[in-house]
Amino acid sequence: FSLRVRGANFFGADREVGNRRDWEQRVKMVDSGAACYSEVPAAVTGVACHGVPRTILTEAGPLTASVYLVCEPRPSTATTDSLTFDGITVTATRGEKRFD
């Protein structure tokens, strides 16, 4: 399916052709309630985010975990107030499934 995101100023402040910023926009789907740095669920294809290690210092010592923040694809089409991402598939599962 295609996912359309509505917003404002996707082209950036300067709408000159050489300065368009819509290509920098990305979309991500995670399980409902999951942290934004979570991995994309296995049921979702067409959206990929690359895991990179991140170390946080805690009182118990350093904690290293993967965070999934660098995502693709770029939008298929863009206007000043919407972006469309094509080729997304969600595999059917039993029961209701929600994503953020």
N, C-alpha and C. Protein backbone atom coordinates (compact mmCIF):
# COMPACT_ATOMS: atom_id res chain seq x y z
N PHE A 1 0.84 -1.19 0.00
CA PHE A 1 0.00 0.00 0.00
C PHE A 1 0.87 1.23 0.00
N SER A 2 0.26 2.36 -0.18
CA SER A 2 0.95 3.64 -0.10
C SER A 2 0.56 4.32 1.20
N LEU A 3 1.53 4.91 1.85
CA LEU A 3 1.29 5.63 3.10
C LEU A 3 1.48 7.11 2.83
N ARG A 4 0.45 7.90 3.10
CA ARG A 4 0.52 9.34 2.89
C ARG A 4 0.61 10.05 4.23
N VAL A 5 1.60 10.92 4.36
CA VAL A 5 1.82 11.70 5.58
C VAL A 5 1.52 13.15 5.26
N ARG A 6 0.64 13.75 6.05
CA ARG A 6 0.30 15.16 5.84
C ARG A 6 0.99 16.01 6.87
N GLY A 7 1.42 17.19 6.44
CA GLY A 7 2.11 18.10 7.35
C GLY A 7 2.26 19.45 6.68
N ALA A 8 3.31 20.14 7.01
CA ALA A 8 3.55 21.47 6.45
C ALA A 8 5.02 21.67 6.14
N ASN A 9 5.28 22.40 5.07
CA ASN A 9 6.63 22.85 4.73
C ASN A 9 7.62 21.71 4.50
N PHE A 10 7.20 20.66 3.79
CA PHE A 10 8.10 19.56 3.50
C PHE A 10 9.23 19.95 2.56
N PHE A 11 9.07 21.08 1.84
CA PHE A 11 10.12 21.52 0.94
C PHE A 11 11.16 22.35 1.66
N GLY A 12 10.95 22.72 2.89
CA GLY A 12 11.87 23.60 3.61
C GLY A 12 11.53 25.04 3.31
N ALA A 13 12.27 25.94 3.91
CA ALA A 13 11.99 27.37 3.77
C ALA A 13 12.24 27.86 2.36
N ASP A 14 13.16 27.25 1.64
CA ASP A 14 13.54 27.69 0.29
C ASP A 14 13.02 26.69 -0.72
N ARG A 15 12.05 27.07 -1.55
CA ARG A 15 11.43 26.14 -2.49
C ARG A 15 12.14 26.09 -3.83
N GLU A 16 13.32 26.67 -3.94
CA GLU A 16 14.07 26.58 -5.18
C GLU A 16 14.34 25.11 -5.48
N VAL A 17 14.32 24.74 -6.76
CA VAL A 17 14.47 23.34 -7.14
C VAL A 17 15.72 22.71 -6.55
N GLY A 18 16.84 23.40 -6.56
CA GLY A 18 18.08 22.84 -6.04
C GLY A 18 18.12 22.75 -4.53
N ASN A 19 17.15 23.35 -3.84
CA ASN A 19 17.18 23.38 -2.38
C ASN A 19 16.02 22.63 -1.73
N ARG A 20 15.33 21.79 -2.49
CA ARG A 20 14.21 21.04 -1.91
C ARG A 20 14.72 20.09 -0.83
N ARG A 21 13.96 19.95 0.24
CA ARG A 21 14.36 19.12 1.37
C ARG A 21 13.45 17.90 1.55
N ASP A 22 12.45 17.73 0.70
CA ASP A 22 11.52 16.62 0.87
C ASP A 22 12.22 15.26 0.78
N TRP A 23 13.29 15.15 0.04
CA TRP A 23 14.00 13.89 -0.12
C TRP A 23 14.66 13.44 1.19
N GLU A 24 14.81 14.34 2.14
CA GLU A 24 15.39 13.99 3.44
C GLU A 24 14.37 13.34 4.38
N GLN A 25 13.10 13.46 4.07
CA GLN A 25 12.06 12.95 4.96
C GLN A 25 12.02 11.42 4.91
N ARG A 26 11.66 10.81 6.03
CA ARG A 26 11.52 9.36 6.14
C ARG A 26 10.30 9.04 6.97
N VAL A 27 9.87 7.80 6.89
CA VAL A 27 8.75 7.32 7.70
C VAL A 27 9.20 6.05 8.40
N LYS A 28 8.60 5.79 9.56
CA LYS A 28 8.93 4.58 10.31
C LYS A 28 7.67 4.05 10.97
N MET A 29 7.54 2.74 11.02
CA MET A 29 6.43 2.11 11.72
C MET A 29 7.00 1.24 12.84
N VAL A 30 6.43 1.37 14.03
CA VAL A 30 6.80 0.53 15.17
C VAL A 30 5.52 0.01 15.79
N ASP A 31 5.65 -1.04 16.60
CA ASP A 31 4.48 -1.55 17.32
C ASP A 31 3.90 -0.43 18.17
N SER A 32 2.59 -0.41 18.29
CA SER A 32 1.93 0.62 19.07
C SER A 32 2.48 0.64 20.49
N GLY A 33 2.89 1.81 20.94
CA GLY A 33 3.43 1.98 22.28
C GLY A 33 4.93 1.76 22.39
N ALA A 34 5.56 1.26 21.33
CA ALA A 34 7.01 1.02 21.37
C ALA A 34 7.76 2.35 21.25
N ALA A 35 8.97 2.36 21.73
CA ALA A 35 9.81 3.55 21.63
C ALA A 35 10.15 3.83 20.17
N CYS A 36 10.37 5.08 19.84
CA CYS A 36 10.65 5.46 18.45
C CYS A 36 11.95 4.86 17.93
N TYR A 37 12.86 4.48 18.82
CA TYR A 37 14.12 3.89 18.39
C TYR A 37 14.05 2.37 18.26
N SER A 38 12.85 1.80 18.40
CA SER A 38 12.66 0.35 18.29
C SER A 38 12.82 -0.11 16.85
N GLU A 39 13.02 -1.41 16.70
CA GLU A 39 13.13 -2.03 15.39
C GLU A 39 11.76 -2.06 14.71
N VAL A 40 11.74 -1.95 13.38
CA VAL A 40 10.50 -2.08 12.62
C VAL A 40 10.00 -3.52 12.80
N PRO A 41 8.71 -3.73 13.08
CA PRO A 41 8.19 -5.09 13.28
C PRO A 41 8.40 -5.97 12.04
N ALA A 42 8.59 -7.27 12.27
CA ALA A 42 8.82 -8.22 11.18
C ALA A 42 7.64 -8.26 10.20
N ALA A 43 6.44 -7.93 10.66
CA ALA A 43 5.26 -7.96 9.79
C ALA A 43 5.27 -6.84 8.76
N VAL A 44 6.13 -5.84 8.92
CA VAL A 44 6.18 -4.68 8.03
C VAL A 44 7.35 -4.83 7.07
N THR A 45 7.08 -4.75 5.76
CA THR A 45 8.14 -4.71 4.76
C THR A 45 7.96 -3.45 3.94
N GLY A 46 9.05 -3.01 3.34
CA GLY A 46 9.02 -1.77 2.57
C GLY A 46 9.51 -0.58 3.36
N VAL A 47 9.69 -0.76 4.67
CA VAL A 47 10.28 0.25 5.54
C VAL A 47 11.41 -0.44 6.28
N ALA A 48 12.60 0.09 6.18
CA ALA A 48 13.75 -0.52 6.85
C ALA A 48 14.50 0.53 7.64
N CYS A 49 14.91 0.16 8.83
CA CYS A 49 15.71 1.05 9.67
C CYS A 49 16.94 0.28 10.11
N HIS A 50 18.07 0.92 10.03
CA HIS A 50 19.35 0.29 10.33
C HIS A 50 19.69 0.47 11.81
N GLY A 51 20.04 -0.63 12.45
CA GLY A 51 20.41 -0.59 13.86
C GLY A 51 21.85 -0.16 14.03
N VAL A 52 22.06 0.75 14.96
CA VAL A 52 23.42 1.19 15.30
C VAL A 52 23.56 1.08 16.82
N PRO A 53 24.75 0.68 17.30
CA PRO A 53 24.92 0.54 18.74
C PRO A 53 24.97 1.90 19.43
N ARG A 54 24.36 1.96 20.59
CA ARG A 54 24.39 3.18 21.39
C ARG A 54 24.69 2.78 22.83
N THR A 55 25.65 3.43 23.42
CA THR A 55 26.03 3.13 24.80
C THR A 55 25.57 4.26 25.71
N ILE A 56 24.90 3.88 26.77
CA ILE A 56 24.41 4.83 27.78
C ILE A 56 25.09 4.47 29.10
N LEU A 57 25.63 5.46 29.77
CA LEU A 57 26.25 5.23 31.08
C LEU A 57 25.17 5.24 32.15
N THR A 58 25.10 4.17 32.93
CA THR A 58 24.14 4.07 34.02
C THR A 58 24.90 3.86 35.32
N GLU A 59 24.20 3.92 36.43
CA GLU A 59 24.84 3.68 37.73
C GLU A 59 25.40 2.27 37.82
N ALA A 60 24.78 1.33 37.09
CA ALA A 60 25.24 -0.06 37.10
C ALA A 60 26.34 -0.31 36.09
N GLY A 61 26.72 0.72 35.36
CA GLY A 61 27.76 0.57 34.33
C GLY A 61 27.19 0.86 32.95
N PRO A 62 28.03 0.77 31.93
CA PRO A 62 27.55 1.09 30.58
C PRO A 62 26.55 0.05 30.06
N LEU A 63 25.56 0.54 29.36
CA LEU A 63 24.53 -0.30 28.75
C LEU A 63 24.56 -0.03 27.25
N THR A 64 24.81 -1.06 26.45
CA THR A 64 24.85 -0.90 25.00
C THR A 64 23.67 -1.63 24.38
N ALA A 65 22.97 -0.95 23.50
CA ALA A 65 21.82 -1.54 22.81
C ALA A 65 21.76 -0.97 21.40
N SER A 66 21.07 -1.68 20.53
CA SER A 66 20.87 -1.17 19.17
C SER A 66 19.70 -0.21 19.15
N VAL A 67 19.87 0.89 18.44
CA VAL A 67 18.78 1.83 18.20
C VAL A 67 18.57 1.90 16.69
N TYR A 68 17.34 2.00 16.28
CA TYR A 68 16.98 1.96 14.86
C TYR A 68 16.45 3.33 14.46
N LEU A 69 17.35 4.20 14.03
CA LEU A 69 16.99 5.58 13.77
C LEU A 69 17.19 6.01 12.32
N VAL A 70 18.03 5.33 11.57
CA VAL A 70 18.30 5.71 10.19
C VAL A 70 17.43 4.83 9.29
N CYS A 71 16.39 5.43 8.70
CA CYS A 71 15.38 4.66 7.98
C CYS A 71 15.31 5.01 6.51
N GLU A 72 14.70 4.11 5.75
CA GLU A 72 14.44 4.31 4.34
C GLU A 72 13.13 3.61 4.01
N PRO A 73 12.47 3.94 2.96
CA PRO A 73 12.90 4.67 1.76
C PRO A 73 12.58 6.15 1.84
N ARG A 74 13.03 6.86 0.83
CA ARG A 74 12.64 8.25 0.64
C ARG A 74 11.20 8.27 0.13
N PRO A 75 10.53 9.43 0.22
CA PRO A 75 9.18 9.49 -0.32
C PRO A 75 9.16 9.26 -1.83
N SER A 76 8.08 8.63 -2.30
CA SER A 76 7.89 8.41 -3.74
C SER A 76 7.45 9.70 -4.42
N THR A 77 6.56 10.42 -3.75
CA THR A 77 6.10 11.72 -4.24
C THR A 77 6.00 12.68 -3.07
N ALA A 78 6.07 13.97 -3.39
CA ALA A 78 6.03 14.98 -2.33
C ALA A 78 5.39 16.25 -2.84
N THR A 79 4.64 16.89 -1.97
CA THR A 79 4.13 18.24 -2.20
C THR A 79 4.51 19.05 -0.97
N THR A 80 4.16 20.31 -0.93
CA THR A 80 4.50 21.12 0.24
C THR A 80 3.80 20.63 1.50
N ASP A 81 2.64 19.94 1.35
CA ASP A 81 1.90 19.52 2.54
C ASP A 81 1.69 18.02 2.67
N SER A 82 2.31 17.20 1.81
CA SER A 82 2.17 15.75 1.98
C SER A 82 3.34 15.01 1.35
N LEU A 83 3.59 13.83 1.89
CA LEU A 83 4.60 12.91 1.37
C LEU A 83 3.92 11.57 1.19
N THR A 84 4.27 10.85 0.13
CA THR A 84 3.72 9.52 -0.10
C THR A 84 4.87 8.52 -0.18
N PHE A 85 4.74 7.44 0.57
CA PHE A 85 5.71 6.36 0.58
C PHE A 85 5.02 5.13 -0.01
N ASP A 86 5.56 4.59 -1.09
CA ASP A 86 4.96 3.44 -1.78
C ASP A 86 5.67 2.15 -1.40
N GLY A 87 4.99 1.03 -1.67
CA GLY A 87 5.61 -0.28 -1.52
C GLY A 87 5.65 -0.82 -0.11
N ILE A 88 4.78 -0.34 0.77
CA ILE A 88 4.75 -0.84 2.15
C ILE A 88 3.76 -1.99 2.23
N THR A 89 4.16 -3.06 2.92
CA THR A 89 3.30 -4.23 3.09
C THR A 89 3.27 -4.60 4.57
N VAL A 90 2.08 -4.93 5.05
CA VAL A 90 1.93 -5.44 6.41
C VAL A 90 1.33 -6.83 6.30
N THR A 91 2.06 -7.83 6.79
CA THR A 91 1.61 -9.21 6.75
C THR A 91 0.47 -9.40 7.75
N ALA A 92 -0.54 -10.13 7.32
CA ALA A 92 -1.70 -10.39 8.17
C ALA A 92 -1.29 -11.21 9.40
N THR A 93 -1.88 -10.89 10.53
CA THR A 93 -1.66 -11.64 11.77
C THR A 93 -3.01 -11.93 12.40
N ARG A 94 -3.03 -12.83 13.34
CA ARG A 94 -4.28 -13.09 14.07
C ARG A 94 -4.55 -11.94 15.01
N GLY A 95 -5.78 -11.54 15.07
CA GLY A 95 -6.16 -10.47 15.96
C GLY A 95 -5.77 -9.09 15.41
N GLU A 96 -6.09 -8.10 16.18
CA GLU A 96 -5.82 -6.71 15.78
C GLU A 96 -4.36 -6.37 16.03
N LYS A 97 -3.79 -5.61 15.12
CA LYS A 97 -2.41 -5.17 15.24
C LYS A 97 -2.38 -3.67 14.98
N ARG A 98 -1.75 -2.92 15.86
CA ARG A 98 -1.65 -1.47 15.71
C ARG A 98 -0.19 -1.05 15.65
N PHE A 99 0.03 0.02 14.88
CA PHE A 99 1.38 0.55 14.72
C PHE A 99 1.35 2.04 15.00
N ASP A 100 2.48 2.57 15.43
CA ASP A 100 2.68 4.01 15.58
C ASP A 100 3.67 4.43 14.53
